[in-house]
Amino acid sequence: MKTLFLCSAAALAMMVTATEAQASPCVQVQIDSGSLNLRYDPFSPAALQQTFTLRVRRSSPSIRAANIVLVDTDSMGSNHQLGQGPAGYTITQHEGNIRAVLVSGAEQPNRTNGIAINFANGAQNDVETVSLTFALPAGQDVGAGQFTEDLEARFFCVLANRDTTPIESQTNRGLRLDLSVPEKISTYIGSAGTRRGQINLGALDTRSPTVRPLSVTAQSTVAYDMRMEKTQGQLRRRDDDNYGIPYAVTLDNRPVSDGSVMGCSRTPVPAGRTHTLQVAVQPQDVRVVPAGSYSDVVTLTFVPRSGLAGSATCSLSS
């Protein structure tokens, strides 16, 4: 009988402990719609800014106010990093309040920081909302991918009798930041938006080589292949011309032939990577053709590739 009595008492003690641990926090905090979904282009000249709503629900009508800070628990200091992605994001109160909303480390809410929420009387006023702004500066060095940050909310509440509750915390998917950086390759010749350019060799010299360069800029959030192709293979006056002038091409000071492929890592942000395409004609090839206007079209094709993500160079494929 003693053994049964002791087991019963132990079981009762365990039940009491479990019930006390399930006490509700004084408020529940979440981003409206459950999470904040963001899309970021590191090559855009404009900063990313998005306004969102924070919903705060009190657990009892006796709670009259709450002070809340959002915490980036895995960042140090004021340089907040979004998961393994871009750093430097901020969250501020939309109305222009200068109180710190986003903190890091062990910082706690107090009377001078965070979001101050006031609840009106009546059960119908159990939910209050506040507008916040997420901002990420332009030109953050980040490649394509999905990045998340689960924020923690720390808060205390003020009761009707003006007592304050202990500081509590909340972490769940309702406070998640989701940011996507798209796979993107953009290229231009000379100035942004220019897709075609001209290498004007001018009057070809019959005594020394004629050499002319052209700069091509790539901006990419992924590694890429760059393929060089000649339309005719030689400079010609027309498609059916019996005469042609051979020309050599180098890409970033590397000799390339028709169909050559160069593999590159993603480009630096925000300037991108400049590739130099150079064309050279030898004098002996000029002497044997009649006078005229000769031309050809060289095409550079950029295609996403896997690999080389950590490299900062380009290399010719075998």
Foldseek 3Di string as FASTA:
>chain_A
DVVVVVVVVVVVVVVVVVVVVPDDAQKDKFWPVQEAEAEDEQQDQFKDKDKTKMKIFGPDLQFFKKFKAKEQEPDDDQFRDQAPFFTDKAKAFPVPDPAHRYYYHPDATDPRHGDMGGFDGDPVRRMDMTMMMIIDHHWTWAAFDKTKTWIKMWMWTAGNVRDIDDIDMDTDSRRMYIYGYDWDKAKAWPDGPHDDDDFDQDDADLPFKGKTKTKMFMAGRFKKKKWKAWPQQFWDQDNPDPATFHKWKDKQNHTDGHGWIKIAEGAHIHRGDMIMIMIMGGNVSVVPDDDDGTDIDMDIDIGGDDDPHPPHDMGIDD
